[in-house]
C-alpha atoms as a PDB file:
ATOM      1  CA  UNK A   1     -25.361 -19.094   8.324  1.00  0.00           C
ATOM      2  CA  UNK A   2     -26.598 -18.104  11.779  1.00  0.00           C
ATOM      3  CA  UNK A   3     -27.440 -14.458  12.415  1.00  0.00           C
ATOM      4  CA  UNK A   4     -25.886 -13.226  15.667  1.00  0.00           C
ATOM      5  CA  UNK A   5     -26.661  -9.521  15.554  1.00  0.00           C
ATOM      6  CA  UNK A   6     -27.308  -6.744  13.106  1.00  0.00           C
ATOM      7  CA  UNK A   7     -27.549  -2.981  12.979  1.00  0.00           C
ATOM      8  CA  UNK A   8     -28.339  -0.639  10.130  1.00  0.00           C
ATOM      9  CA  UNK A   9     -24.608  -0.513   9.394  1.00  0.00           C
ATOM     10  CA  UNK A  10     -23.062  -3.909  10.202  1.00  0.00           C
ATOM     11  CA  UNK A  11     -24.283  -7.514  10.080  1.00  0.00           C
ATOM     12  CA  UNK A  12     -22.720 -10.236  12.236  1.00  0.00           C
ATOM     13  CA  UNK A  13     -23.326 -13.889  11.352  1.00  0.00           C
ATOM     14  CA  UNK A  14     -21.560 -17.173  12.042  1.00  0.00           C
ATOM     15  CA  UNK A  15     -20.785 -20.308  10.054  1.00  0.00           C
ATOM     16  CA  UNK A  16     -19.378 -22.853  12.475  1.00  0.00           C
ATOM     17  CA  UNK A  17     -16.142 -21.406  13.907  1.00  0.00           C
ATOM     18  CA  UNK A  18     -16.125 -18.473  11.458  1.00  0.00           C
ATOM     19  CA  UNK A  19     -17.571 -15.057  12.201  1.00  0.00           C
ATOM     20  CA  UNK A  20     -18.822 -13.174   9.131  1.00  0.00           C
ATOM     21  CA  UNK A  21     -18.977  -9.400   9.591  1.00  0.00           C
ATOM     22  CA  UNK A  22     -20.563  -7.400   6.771  1.00  0.00           C
ATOM     23  CA  UNK A  23     -20.430  -3.642   6.233  1.00  0.00           C
ATOM     24  CA  UNK A  24     -24.005  -2.835   5.283  1.00  0.00           C
ATOM     25  CA  UNK A  25     -24.170   0.597   3.656  1.00  0.00           C
ATOM     26  CA  UNK A  26     -24.147  -0.459  -0.018  1.00  0.00           C
ATOM     27  CA  UNK A  27     -26.073   2.659  -1.064  1.00  0.00           C
ATOM     28  CA  UNK A  28     -22.956   4.739  -0.252  1.00  0.00           C
ATOM     29  CA  UNK A  29     -20.436   2.039  -1.205  1.00  0.00           C
ATOM     30  CA  UNK A  30     -20.001   1.152   2.469  1.00  0.00           C
ATOM     31  CA  UNK A  31     -18.576   4.571   3.304  1.00  0.00           C
ATOM     32  CA  UNK A  32     -17.442   4.721   6.913  1.00  0.00           C
ATOM     33  CA  UNK A  33     -19.067   7.126   9.342  1.00  0.00           C
ATOM     34  CA  UNK A  34     -18.582   6.984  13.095  1.00  0.00           C
ATOM     35  CA  UNK A  35     -21.683   4.872  13.662  1.00  0.00           C
ATOM     36  CA  UNK A  36     -20.492   2.205  11.218  1.00  0.00           C
ATOM     37  CA  UNK A  37     -16.983   2.096  12.697  1.00  0.00           C
ATOM     38  CA  UNK A  38     -18.254   1.591  16.233  1.00  0.00           C
ATOM     39  CA  UNK A  39     -20.791  -1.008  15.084  1.00  0.00           C
ATOM     40  CA  UNK A  40     -17.884  -2.774  13.370  1.00  0.00           C
ATOM     41  CA  UNK A  41     -15.818  -2.529  16.554  1.00  0.00           C
ATOM     42  CA  UNK A  42     -18.630  -4.065  18.596  1.00  0.00           C
ATOM     43  CA  UNK A  43     -18.960  -6.921  16.101  1.00  0.00           C
ATOM     44  CA  UNK A  44     -15.209  -7.612  16.207  1.00  0.00           C
ATOM     45  CA  UNK A  45     -15.257  -7.415  20.002  1.00  0.00           C
ATOM     46  CA  UNK A  46     -18.100  -9.912  20.129  1.00  0.00           C
ATOM     47  CA  UNK A  47     -16.140 -12.196  17.796  1.00  0.00           C
ATOM     48  CA  UNK A  48     -13.034 -11.877  19.985  1.00  0.00           C
ATOM     49  CA  UNK A  49     -14.913 -12.785  23.173  1.00  0.00           C
ATOM     50  CA  UNK A  50     -16.746 -15.812  21.711  1.00  0.00           C
ATOM     51  CA  UNK A  51     -14.682 -18.946  22.399  1.00  0.00           C
ATOM     52  CA  UNK A  52     -16.608 -20.852  19.721  1.00  0.00           C
ATOM     53  CA  UNK A  53     -15.301 -18.529  16.998  1.00  0.00           C
ATOM     54  CA  UNK A  54     -11.752 -18.817  15.653  1.00  0.00           C
ATOM     55  CA  UNK A  55     -11.519 -16.652  12.512  1.00  0.00           C
ATOM     56  CA  UNK A  56     -13.428 -13.619  11.224  1.00  0.00           C
ATOM     57  CA  UNK A  57     -14.194 -12.550   7.659  1.00  0.00           C
ATOM     58  CA  UNK A  58     -14.819  -8.828   7.146  1.00  0.00           C
ATOM     59  CA  UNK A  59     -16.615  -8.004   3.893  1.00  0.00           C
ATOM     60  CA  UNK A  60     -18.775  -5.351   2.265  1.00  0.00           C
ATOM     61  CA  UNK A  61     -22.360  -5.709   1.071  1.00  0.00           C
ATOM     62  CA  UNK A  62     -22.915  -4.780  -2.568  1.00  0.00           C
ATOM     63  CA  UNK A  63     -20.476  -4.160  -5.433  1.00  0.00           C
ATOM     64  CA  UNK A  64     -17.773  -2.505  -3.293  1.00  0.00           C
ATOM     65  CA  UNK A  65     -15.832  -3.291  -0.116  1.00  0.00           C
ATOM     66  CA  UNK A  66     -15.601   0.310   1.123  1.00  0.00           C
ATOM     67  CA  UNK A  67     -15.183   3.733  -0.455  1.00  0.00           C
ATOM     68  CA  UNK A  68     -13.512   5.067   2.701  1.00  0.00           C
ATOM     69  CA  UNK A  69     -14.512   7.851   5.079  1.00  0.00           C
ATOM     70  CA  UNK A  70     -17.995   9.265   4.655  1.00  0.00           C
ATOM     71  CA  UNK A  71     -16.910  12.839   3.922  1.00  0.00           C
ATOM     72  CA  UNK A  72     -20.201  13.725   2.292  1.00  0.00           C
ATOM     73  CA  UNK A  73     -22.032  14.091   5.611  1.00  0.00           C
ATOM     74  CA  UNK A  74     -20.685  16.359   8.334  1.00  0.00           C
ATOM     75  CA  UNK A  75     -23.318  15.764  11.041  1.00  0.00           C
ATOM     76  CA  UNK A  76     -21.341  12.780  12.306  1.00  0.00           C
ATOM     77  CA  UNK A  77     -18.401  15.029  13.202  1.00  0.00           C
ATOM     78  CA  UNK A  78     -20.367  16.590  16.053  1.00  0.00           C
ATOM     79  CA  UNK A  79     -21.507  13.334  17.689  1.00  0.00           C
ATOM     80  CA  UNK A  80     -19.888  11.882  20.804  1.00  0.00           C
ATOM     81  CA  UNK A  81     -18.990   8.207  20.556  1.00  0.00           C
ATOM     82  CA  UNK A  82     -17.410   5.641  22.832  1.00  0.00           C
ATOM     83  CA  UNK A  83     -13.734   6.392  23.345  1.00  0.00           C
ATOM     84  CA  UNK A  84     -11.953   3.043  23.190  1.00  0.00           C
ATOM     85  CA  UNK A  85      -8.518   4.698  22.968  1.00  0.00           C
ATOM     86  CA  UNK A  86      -9.218   6.887  26.038  1.00  0.00           C
ATOM     87  CA  UNK A  87      -8.952  10.185  24.155  1.00  0.00           C
ATOM     88  CA  UNK A  88     -11.056  13.101  25.351  1.00  0.00           C
ATOM     89  CA  UNK A  89     -14.363  13.783  23.641  1.00  0.00           C
ATOM     90  CA  UNK A  90     -13.720  15.823  20.492  1.00  0.00           C
ATOM     91  CA  UNK A  91     -17.174  17.416  20.633  1.00  0.00           C
ATOM     92  CA  UNK A  92     -17.032  21.047  21.727  1.00  0.00           C
ATOM     93  CA  UNK A  93     -13.300  21.309  21.036  1.00  0.00           C
ATOM     94  CA  UNK A  94     -11.840  23.418  18.243  1.00  0.00           C
ATOM     95  CA  UNK A  95      -8.944  23.234  15.814  1.00  0.00           C
ATOM     96  CA  UNK A  96      -6.253  20.612  16.250  1.00  0.00           C
ATOM     97  CA  UNK A  97      -7.603  19.620  19.671  1.00  0.00           C
ATOM     98  CA  UNK A  98     -10.801  18.474  17.949  1.00  0.00           C
ATOM     99  CA  UNK A  99      -9.287  16.778  14.898  1.00  0.00           C
ATOM    100  CA  UNK A 100      -6.389  15.091  16.683  1.00  0.00           C
ATOM    101  CA  UNK A 101      -8.612  13.560  19.356  1.00  0.00           C
ATOM    102  CA  UNK A 102     -11.296  12.468  16.896  1.00  0.00           C
ATOM    103  CA  UNK A 103      -8.949  10.898  14.357  1.00  0.00           C
ATOM    104  CA  UNK A 104      -6.668   9.362  17.001  1.00  0.00           C
ATOM    105  CA  UNK A 105      -9.698   7.554  18.379  1.00  0.00           C
ATOM    106  CA  UNK A 106     -11.905   6.897  15.372  1.00  0.00           C
ATOM    107  CA  UNK A 107      -9.319   5.959  12.755  1.00  0.00           C
ATOM    108  CA  UNK A 108      -5.870   5.195  14.176  1.00  0.00           C
ATOM    109  CA  UNK A 109      -7.064   3.868  17.528  1.00  0.00           C
ATOM    110  CA  UNK A 110      -9.758   1.537  16.208  1.00  0.00           C
ATOM    111  CA  UNK A 111      -7.592   0.212  13.363  1.00  0.00           C
ATOM    112  CA  UNK A 112      -4.732  -0.572  15.748  1.00  0.00           C
ATOM    113  CA  UNK A 113      -7.187  -2.252  18.105  1.00  0.00           C
ATOM    114  CA  UNK A 114      -8.395  -4.477  15.256  1.00  0.00           C
ATOM    115  CA  UNK A 115      -4.849  -5.217  14.084  1.00  0.00           C
ATOM    116  CA  UNK A 116      -3.939  -6.403  17.583  1.00  0.00           C
ATOM    117  CA  UNK A 117      -6.991  -8.641  17.992  1.00  0.00           C
ATOM    118  CA  UNK A 118      -5.491 -12.064  18.895  1.00  0.00           C
ATOM    119  CA  UNK A 119      -7.653 -14.092  16.516  1.00  0.00           C
ATOM    120  CA  UNK A 120      -7.020 -14.182  12.732  1.00  0.00           C
ATOM    121  CA  UNK A 121      -9.069 -11.891  10.505  1.00  0.00           C
ATOM    122  CA  UNK A 122      -9.576 -11.967   6.735  1.00  0.00           C
ATOM    123  CA  UNK A 123     -10.719  -9.045   4.575  1.00  0.00           C
ATOM    124  CA  UNK A 124     -12.779 -10.206   1.580  1.00  0.00           C
ATOM    125  CA  UNK A 125     -12.423  -7.318  -0.859  1.00  0.00           C
ATOM    126  CA  UNK A 126     -14.381  -6.647  -4.038  1.00  0.00           C
ATOM    127  CA  UNK A 127     -14.710  -3.501  -6.124  1.00  0.00           C
ATOM    128  CA  UNK A 128     -13.492  -0.290  -4.524  1.00  0.00           C
ATOM    129  CA  UNK A 129     -11.223  -0.353  -1.483  1.00  0.00           C
ATOM    130  CA  UNK A 130     -10.370   3.310  -1.025  1.00  0.00           C
ATOM    131  CA  UNK A 131      -8.586   5.283   1.712  1.00  0.00           C
ATOM    132  CA  UNK A 132     -10.451   4.341   4.915  1.00  0.00           C
ATOM    133  CA  UNK A 133     -11.293   1.049   3.219  1.00  0.00           C
ATOM    134  CA  UNK A 134      -7.559   0.477   2.804  1.00  0.00           C
ATOM    135  CA  UNK A 135      -6.979   1.038   6.516  1.00  0.00           C
ATOM    136  CA  UNK A 136      -9.639  -1.530   7.372  1.00  0.00           C
ATOM    137  CA  UNK A 137      -8.275  -4.124   4.938  1.00  0.00           C
ATOM    138  CA  UNK A 138      -4.718  -3.523   6.168  1.00  0.00           C
ATOM    139  CA  UNK A 139      -5.886  -4.010   9.758  1.00  0.00           C
ATOM    140  CA  UNK A 140      -6.871  -7.572   8.865  1.00  0.00           C
ATOM    141  CA  UNK A 141      -4.283 -10.353   8.787  1.00  0.00           C
ATOM    142  CA  UNK A 142      -5.047 -11.586   5.278  1.00  0.00           C
ATOM    143  CA  UNK A 143      -6.718 -10.057   2.232  1.00  0.00           C
ATOM    144  CA  UNK A 144      -8.611 -12.174  -0.280  1.00  0.00           C
ATOM    145  CA  UNK A 145      -9.494 -10.019  -3.290  1.00  0.00           C
ATOM    146  CA  UNK A 146     -11.706 -10.495  -6.305  1.00  0.00           C
ATOM    147  CA  UNK A 147     -10.126  -9.927  -9.696  1.00  0.00           C
ATOM    148  CA  UNK A 148     -12.121  -6.700 -10.140  1.00  0.00           C
ATOM    149  CA  UNK A 149     -11.018  -5.201  -6.821  1.00  0.00           C
ATOM    150  CA  UNK A 150      -8.865  -2.084  -6.766  1.00  0.00           C
ATOM    151  CA  UNK A 151      -7.152   0.009  -4.112  1.00  0.00           C
ATOM    152  CA  UNK A 152      -6.631   3.780  -4.029  1.00  0.00           C
ATOM    153  CA  UNK A 153      -5.518   6.623  -1.772  1.00  0.00           C
ATOM    154  CA  UNK A 154      -6.042  10.111  -3.209  1.00  0.00           C
ATOM    155  CA  UNK A 155      -5.090  11.951   0.002  1.00  0.00           C
ATOM    156  CA  UNK A 156      -2.300  13.910  -1.728  1.00  0.00           C
ATOM    157  CA  UNK A 157      -5.019  15.674  -3.737  1.00  0.00           C
ATOM    158  CA  UNK A 158      -6.156  17.175  -0.412  1.00  0.00           C
ATOM    159  CA  UNK A 159      -2.606  18.219   0.494  1.00  0.00           C
ATOM    160  CA  UNK A 160      -2.434  15.280   2.928  1.00  0.00           C
ATOM    161  CA  UNK A 161       0.345  12.632   2.838  1.00  0.00           C
ATOM    162  CA  UNK A 162      -1.985   9.647   3.049  1.00  0.00           C
ATOM    163  CA  UNK A 163      -4.724   8.094   5.151  1.00  0.00           C
ATOM    164  CA  UNK A 164      -4.529   8.375   8.932  1.00  0.00           C
ATOM    165  CA  UNK A 165      -2.914   4.984   9.530  1.00  0.00           C
ATOM    166  CA  UNK A 166      -0.034   5.227   7.076  1.00  0.00           C
ATOM    167  CA  UNK A 167       0.761   1.594   6.295  1.00  0.00           C
ATOM    168  CA  UNK A 168       1.816   2.191   2.693  1.00  0.00           C
ATOM    169  CA  UNK A 169       5.605   1.509   2.949  1.00  0.00           C
ATOM    170  CA  UNK A 170       5.021  -1.755   4.814  1.00  0.00           C
ATOM    171  CA  UNK A 171       2.242  -2.936   2.518  1.00  0.00           C
ATOM    172  CA  UNK A 172       3.737  -1.879  -0.829  1.00  0.00           C
ATOM    173  CA  UNK A 173       7.430  -1.137  -0.341  1.00  0.00           C
ATOM    174  CA  UNK A 174       8.821   2.396  -0.379  1.00  0.00           C
ATOM    175  CA  UNK A 175       9.055   3.135  -4.112  1.00  0.00           C
ATOM    176  CA  UNK A 176       5.735   1.549  -5.040  1.00  0.00           C
ATOM    177  CA  UNK A 177       4.125   3.390  -2.121  1.00  0.00           C
ATOM    178  CA  UNK A 178       5.496   6.696  -3.429  1.00  0.00           C
ATOM    179  CA  UNK A 179       4.166   6.032  -6.919  1.00  0.00           C
ATOM    180  CA  UNK A 180       0.810   4.974  -5.462  1.00  0.00           C
ATOM    181  CA  UNK A 181       0.500   8.237  -3.524  1.00  0.00           C
ATOM    182  CA  UNK A 182       2.161  10.587  -6.033  1.00  0.00           C
ATOM    183  CA  UNK A 183      -0.104   9.525  -8.917  1.00  0.00           C
ATOM    184  CA  UNK A 184      -3.306   8.540  -7.047  1.00  0.00           C
ATOM    185  CA  UNK A 185      -3.655   5.773  -9.626  1.00  0.00           C
ATOM    186  CA  UNK A 186      -5.645   2.706  -8.744  1.00  0.00           C
ATOM    187  CA  UNK A 187      -3.717  -0.363  -7.670  1.00  0.00           C
ATOM    188  CA  UNK A 188      -5.285  -3.406  -9.294  1.00  0.00           C
ATOM    189  CA  UNK A 189      -5.930  -6.559  -7.312  1.00  0.00           C
ATOM    190  CA  UNK A 190      -3.505  -8.424  -9.580  1.00  0.00           C
ATOM    191  CA  UNK A 191      -0.709  -5.931  -8.849  1.00  0.00           C
ATOM    192  CA  UNK A 192      -1.514  -5.970  -5.125  1.00  0.00           C
ATOM    193  CA  UNK A 193      -1.269  -9.758  -5.223  1.00  0.00           C
ATOM    194  CA  UNK A 194       2.089  -9.572  -7.013  1.00  0.00           C
ATOM    195  CA  UNK A 195       3.373  -7.182  -4.342  1.00  0.00           C
ATOM    196  CA  UNK A 196       2.232  -9.476  -1.537  1.00  0.00           C
ATOM    197  CA  UNK A 197      -0.406  -7.115  -0.147  1.00  0.00           C
ATOM    198  CA  UNK A 198      -3.192  -9.448  -1.267  1.00  0.00           C
ATOM    199  CA  UNK A 199      -3.028 -13.047  -0.076  1.00  0.00           C
ATOM    200  CA  UNK A 200      -5.291 -14.688  -2.654  1.00  0.00           C
ATOM    201  CA  UNK A 201      -6.839 -13.534  -5.931  1.00  0.00           C
ATOM    202  CA  UNK A 202     -10.109 -15.095  -7.094  1.00  0.00           C
ATOM    203  CA  UNK A 203     -12.996 -14.428  -9.518  1.00  0.00           C
ATOM    204  CA  UNK A 204     -15.712 -12.204  -8.037  1.00  0.00           C
ATOM    205  CA  UNK A 205     -18.249 -15.030  -7.856  1.00  0.00           C
ATOM    206  CA  UNK A 206     -15.827 -17.142  -5.798  1.00  0.00           C
ATOM    207  CA  UNK A 207     -14.805 -14.423  -3.315  1.00  0.00           C
ATOM    208  CA  UNK A 208     -16.876 -15.450  -0.325  1.00  0.00           C
ATOM    209  CA  UNK A 209     -16.460 -19.192  -0.833  1.00  0.00           C
ATOM    210  CA  UNK A 210     -12.679 -18.804  -1.159  1.00  0.00           C
ATOM    211  CA  UNK A 211     -12.531 -16.589   1.931  1.00  0.00           C
ATOM    212  CA  UNK A 212     -14.669 -19.032   3.895  1.00  0.00           C
ATOM    213  CA  UNK A 213     -12.570 -22.027   2.832  1.00  0.00           C
ATOM    214  CA  UNK A 214      -9.411 -20.222   3.949  1.00  0.00           C
ATOM    215  CA  UNK A 215     -11.023 -19.215   7.248  1.00  0.00           C
ATOM    216  CA  UNK A 216     -12.218 -22.762   7.910  1.00  0.00           C
ATOM    217  CA  UNK A 217      -8.759 -24.159   7.217  1.00  0.00           C
ATOM    218  CA  UNK A 218      -7.145 -21.672   9.604  1.00  0.00           C
ATOM    219  CA  UNK A 219      -9.832 -22.355  12.230  1.00  0.00           C
ATOM    220  CA  UNK A 220      -8.598 -25.947  12.505  1.00  0.00           C
ATOM    221  CA  UNK A 221      -5.208 -24.777  13.766  1.00  0.00           C
ATOM    222  CA  UNK A 222      -4.412 -24.402  17.495  1.00  0.00           C
ATOM    223  CA  UNK A 223      -5.729 -21.120  18.883  1.00  0.00           C
ATOM    224  CA  UNK A 224      -2.653 -20.316  20.966  1.00  0.00           C
ATOM    225  CA  UNK A 225      -0.289 -21.053  18.087  1.00  0.00           C
ATOM    226  CA  UNK A 226      -2.249 -18.739  15.798  1.00  0.00           C
ATOM    227  CA  UNK A 227      -2.332 -15.955  18.381  1.00  0.00           C
ATOM    228  CA  UNK A 228       1.388 -16.190  19.078  1.00  0.00           C
ATOM    229  CA  UNK A 229       2.298 -16.336  15.376  1.00  0.00           C
ATOM    230  CA  UNK A 230       0.193 -13.233  14.738  1.00  0.00           C
ATOM    231  CA  UNK A 231       1.688 -11.410  17.715  1.00  0.00           C
ATOM    232  CA  UNK A 232       5.240 -12.319  16.666  1.00  0.00           C
ATOM    233  CA  UNK A 233       4.773 -10.974  13.138  1.00  0.00           C
ATOM    234  CA  UNK A 234       3.035  -7.798  14.316  1.00  0.00           C
ATOM    235  CA  UNK A 235       5.772  -7.143  16.864  1.00  0.00           C
ATOM    236  CA  UNK A 236       8.460  -7.698  14.223  1.00  0.00           C
ATOM    237  CA  UNK A 237       6.705  -5.130  12.016  1.00  0.00           C
ATOM    238  CA  UNK A 238       6.674  -2.747  14.976  1.00  0.00           C
ATOM    239  CA  UNK A 239      10.407  -3.308  15.563  1.00  0.00           C
ATOM    240  CA  UNK A 240      10.968  -2.501  11.889  1.00  0.00           C
ATOM    241  CA  UNK A 241       9.318   0.867  12.456  1.00  0.00           C
ATOM    242  CA  UNK A 242       5.628   0.297  11.789  1.00  0.00           C
ATOM    243  CA  UNK A 243       4.342   1.801  15.041  1.00  0.00           C
ATOM    244  CA  UNK A 244       6.728   4.760  15.189  1.00  0.00           C
ATOM    245  CA  UNK A 245       6.449   5.355  11.434  1.00  0.00           C
ATOM    246  CA  UNK A 246       2.664   5.457  11.466  1.00  0.00           C
ATOM    247  CA  UNK A 247       2.775   7.780  14.497  1.00  0.00           C
ATOM    248  CA  UNK A 248       5.106  10.132  12.634  1.00  0.00           C
ATOM    249  CA  UNK A 249       2.974  10.107   9.484  1.00  0.00           C
ATOM    250  CA  UNK A 250      -0.165  10.760  11.539  1.00  0.00           C
ATOM    251  CA  UNK A 251       1.488  13.915  12.873  1.00  0.00           C
ATOM    252  CA  UNK A 252       2.112  15.082   9.305  1.00  0.00           C
ATOM    253  CA  UNK A 253      -1.486  14.185   8.465  1.00  0.00           C
ATOM    254  CA  UNK A 254      -2.630  16.521  11.251  1.00  0.00           C
ATOM    255  CA  UNK A 255      -0.250  19.241  10.048  1.00  0.00           C
ATOM    256  CA  UNK A 256      -1.899  19.039   6.626  1.00  0.00           C
ATOM    257  CA  UNK A 257      -5.372  19.321   8.165  1.00  0.00           C
ATOM    258  CA  UNK A 258      -4.249  22.382  10.128  1.00  0.00           C
ATOM    259  CA  UNK A 259      -2.835  23.972   6.976  1.00  0.00           C
ATOM    260  CA  UNK A 260      -6.079  23.355   5.067  1.00  0.00           C
ATOM    261  CA  UNK A 261      -8.111  24.902   7.869  1.00  0.00           C
ATOM    262  CA  UNK A 262      -5.754  27.864   8.331  1.00  0.00           C
ATOM    263  CA  UNK A 263      -5.538  28.639   4.627  1.00  0.00           C
ATOM    264  CA  UNK A 264      -9.324  28.759   4.371  1.00  0.00           C
ATOM    265  CA  UNK A 265      -9.784  25.701   2.181  1.00  0.00           C
ATOM    266  CA  UNK A 266     -11.868  23.810   4.707  1.00  0.00           C
ATOM    267  CA  UNK A 267     -13.030  24.481   8.267  1.00  0.00           C
ATOM    268  CA  UNK A 268     -12.572  20.790   9.181  1.00  0.00           C
ATOM    269  CA  UNK A 269      -9.196  20.527   7.454  1.00  0.00           C
ATOM    270  CA  UNK A 270     -10.190  17.912   4.893  1.00  0.00           C
ATOM    271  CA  UNK A 271      -9.799  20.195   1.871  1.00  0.00           C
ATOM    272  CA  UNK A 272     -12.257  22.285  -0.097  1.00  0.00           C
ATOM    273  CA  UNK A 273     -15.719  20.679  -0.401  1.00  0.00           C
ATOM    274  CA  UNK A 274     -15.510  20.856  -4.212  1.00  0.00           C
ATOM    275  CA  UNK A 275     -12.113  19.123  -4.243  1.00  0.00           C
ATOM    276  CA  UNK A 276     -13.313  16.430  -1.838  1.00  0.00           C
ATOM    277  CA  UNK A 277     -16.321  15.721  -4.045  1.00  0.00           C
ATOM    278  CA  UNK A 278     -14.278  15.643  -7.271  1.00  0.00           C
ATOM    279  CA  UNK A 279     -11.551  13.430  -5.838  1.00  0.00           C
ATOM    280  CA  UNK A 280     -13.890  10.910  -4.259  1.00  0.00           C
ATOM    281  CA  UNK A 281     -15.953  10.717  -7.442  1.00  0.00           C
ATOM    282  CA  UNK A 282     -12.831  10.063  -9.529  1.00  0.00           C
ATOM    283  CA  UNK A 283     -11.428   7.486  -7.104  1.00  0.00           C
ATOM    284  CA  UNK A 284     -14.611   5.466  -6.750  1.00  0.00           C
ATOM    285  CA  UNK A 285     -15.974   5.688 -10.289  1.00  0.00           C
ATOM    286  CA  UNK A 286     -16.720   2.307 -11.741  1.00  0.00           C
END
């Protein structure tokens, strides 16, 4: 494996035509702050621009893929980042103007950018894949999961319909998505595989090797054919309502934030600090 670049948050290595991008905050279960998300974006951009690379694997260092947004630290909310989606800087703004710009850029905008990347991407998921982790995995074309992986979205506990990029009905089907959100129960890797959300299910110790073998097989296929097949499927999903549906749900997500802020539960709209802590602890325990 050849090291291409690394930051405190994200490692980027290559194995032949495969880019291997690793979330590198295992001490917080690869929770996603703004710095990590932009480091990840730069790694994926570098992969996209390198003609020698055909497929990317996105994985998490340590026992877990990603525990989602890093809600435990608020300093990141007041930092200006690159604005890849061309939204105004959220810093210095208040209320909905702040939250809508920040989340449109940092969560919805980046995930859509990764989904539309013309080269194939594979999420290699172990352990917890929660909320923001779900959005990242769903932004990849394929998901290879270890048998101990699980998926969760406890947003309803915060009075919020779901994570910012609301892919649940397309990934799970309407009724299973409702149960998933209504109960906040974990979705096992085996059940996700049965539903078609997970592409391959393997023992934990075989996760990377299985992901690499799949990536190497795909890398042998013609680049243009892969790009057009990916674009065709993504556009069909959009015609079946994915883009407009996720836009609509994001509006409801912002309504929920505004309600939380207005009702005094949380200045940033996420929900009361105690509830956030309890919910995240319950979702990621294990």
